[in-house]
Amino acid sequence: MIYSRHFNGLLNESYKEALKGSIIELMGKSVILYGKKSVSYVPEQSGRLRRMEVPLSCFGAEIEYPRMGHIDPAGLSFMLRTFRAERWVENEVNY
């Protein structure tokens, strides 16, 4: 148990050293608590760090797009007839 704690401390130190020169340092660090909140520390004008907790929530986005029949009905009809004819010709050639 003592060795595990010591090894864990060594890993934490090496992780901090690796982060010093990496590009990840440019982004803020955030910790998720129990999957319900995100914690960040924001510097104030006085130089103190203020802890901010933000509750996590779900969000989504939907987009509707018109089908080809609404945009170009004649072109769609021609394209479908072409595909059907190609399929028919392929089936005739295979038999």
Protein backbone atom coordinates (compact mmCIF):
# COMPACT_ATOMS: atom_id res chain seq x y z
CA MET A 1 0.00 0.00 0.00
CA ILE A 2 2.86 2.37 0.81
CA TYR A 3 4.56 1.55 -2.49
CA SER A 4 1.29 2.14 -4.37
CA ARG A 5 0.95 5.61 -2.82
CA HIS A 6 4.59 6.39 -3.60
CA PHE A 7 4.22 5.20 -7.20
CA ASN A 8 0.98 7.17 -7.59
CA GLY A 9 2.79 10.30 -6.40
CA LEU A 10 5.57 9.72 -8.94
CA LEU A 11 3.01 9.33 -11.72
CA ASN A 12 1.23 12.55 -10.67
CA GLU A 13 4.52 14.47 -10.73
CA SER A 14 5.51 13.13 -14.14
CA TYR A 15 2.03 13.99 -15.49
CA LYS A 16 2.35 17.56 -14.23
CA GLU A 17 5.82 17.85 -15.79
CA ALA A 18 4.51 16.54 -19.12
CA LEU A 19 1.66 19.07 -19.11
CA LYS A 20 3.96 22.07 -18.61
CA GLY A 21 5.14 22.23 -22.22
CA SER A 22 2.17 20.69 -23.99
CA ILE A 23 -0.56 22.34 -26.03
CA ILE A 24 -3.18 21.08 -23.55
CA GLU A 25 -1.95 23.78 -21.17
CA LEU A 26 -3.58 26.43 -23.41
CA MET A 27 -7.04 25.10 -22.56
CA GLY A 28 -8.61 25.38 -19.14
CA LYS A 29 -8.74 22.38 -16.86
CA SER A 30 -12.11 21.10 -15.72
CA VAL A 31 -12.96 18.26 -13.32
CA ILE A 32 -16.24 16.35 -13.49
CA LEU A 33 -17.74 15.49 -10.12
CA TYR A 34 -19.76 12.28 -10.00
CA GLY A 35 -21.07 12.90 -13.52
CA LYS A 36 -23.39 15.69 -12.36
CA LYS A 37 -21.25 18.82 -12.17
CA SER A 38 -18.14 20.33 -13.73
CA VAL A 39 -15.73 22.28 -11.52
CA SER A 40 -13.46 25.03 -12.80
CA TYR A 41 -11.28 27.58 -11.05
CA VAL A 42 -11.49 31.08 -12.48
CA PRO A 43 -8.94 33.76 -11.54
CA GLU A 44 -10.38 36.96 -10.08
CA GLN A 45 -8.87 40.44 -10.36
CA SER A 46 -7.43 40.10 -6.88
CA GLY A 47 -5.42 37.07 -8.03
CA ARG A 48 -7.46 34.57 -6.06
CA LEU A 49 -8.96 31.55 -7.78
CA ARG A 50 -12.73 31.28 -7.48
CA ARG A 51 -14.33 27.84 -7.70
CA MET A 52 -17.21 27.59 -10.16
CA GLU A 53 -19.50 24.56 -10.32
CA VAL A 54 -21.58 24.11 -13.45
CA PRO A 55 -24.29 21.45 -13.52
CA LEU A 56 -24.12 19.18 -16.54
CA SER A 57 -27.18 18.84 -18.72
CA CYS A 58 -28.16 17.23 -22.00
CA PHE A 59 -28.46 19.16 -25.19
CA GLY A 60 -29.10 18.27 -28.78
CA ALA A 61 -29.54 19.74 -32.20
CA GLU A 62 -31.75 18.81 -35.09
CA ILE A 63 -31.75 19.96 -38.66
CA GLU A 64 -34.36 19.41 -41.29
CA TYR A 65 -33.39 19.40 -44.91
CA PRO A 66 -35.67 19.20 -47.91
CA ARG A 67 -35.77 16.01 -49.88
CA MET A 68 -34.79 15.95 -53.49
CA GLY A 69 -38.46 15.81 -54.52
CA HIS A 70 -39.02 19.29 -53.13
CA ILE A 71 -35.91 20.80 -54.67
CA ASP A 72 -35.92 19.26 -58.17
CA PRO A 73 -38.86 16.92 -58.80
CA ALA A 74 -38.10 16.47 -62.52
CA GLY A 75 -34.43 15.72 -61.87
CA LEU A 76 -35.33 13.24 -59.14
CA SER A 77 -37.80 11.47 -61.39
CA PHE A 78 -35.20 11.22 -64.18
CA MET A 79 -32.51 9.96 -61.77
CA LEU A 80 -34.84 7.26 -60.33
CA ARG A 81 -35.85 6.09 -63.82
CA THR A 82 -32.17 5.90 -64.79
CA PHE A 83 -31.29 3.83 -61.72
CA ARG A 84 -34.23 1.48 -62.33
CA ALA A 85 -33.24 1.04 -65.97
CA GLU A 86 -29.63 0.31 -65.00
CA ARG A 87 -30.78 -2.26 -62.46
CA TRP A 88 -33.07 -3.85 -65.05
CA VAL A 89 -30.26 -4.01 -67.63
CA GLU A 90 -27.86 -5.56 -65.07
CA ASN A 91 -30.41 -8.22 -64.13
CA GLU A 92 -31.03 -9.05 -67.81
CA VAL A 93 -27.30 -9.36 -68.50
CA ASN A 94 -26.68 -11.60 -65.47
CA TYR A 95 -29.38 -14.10 -66.49
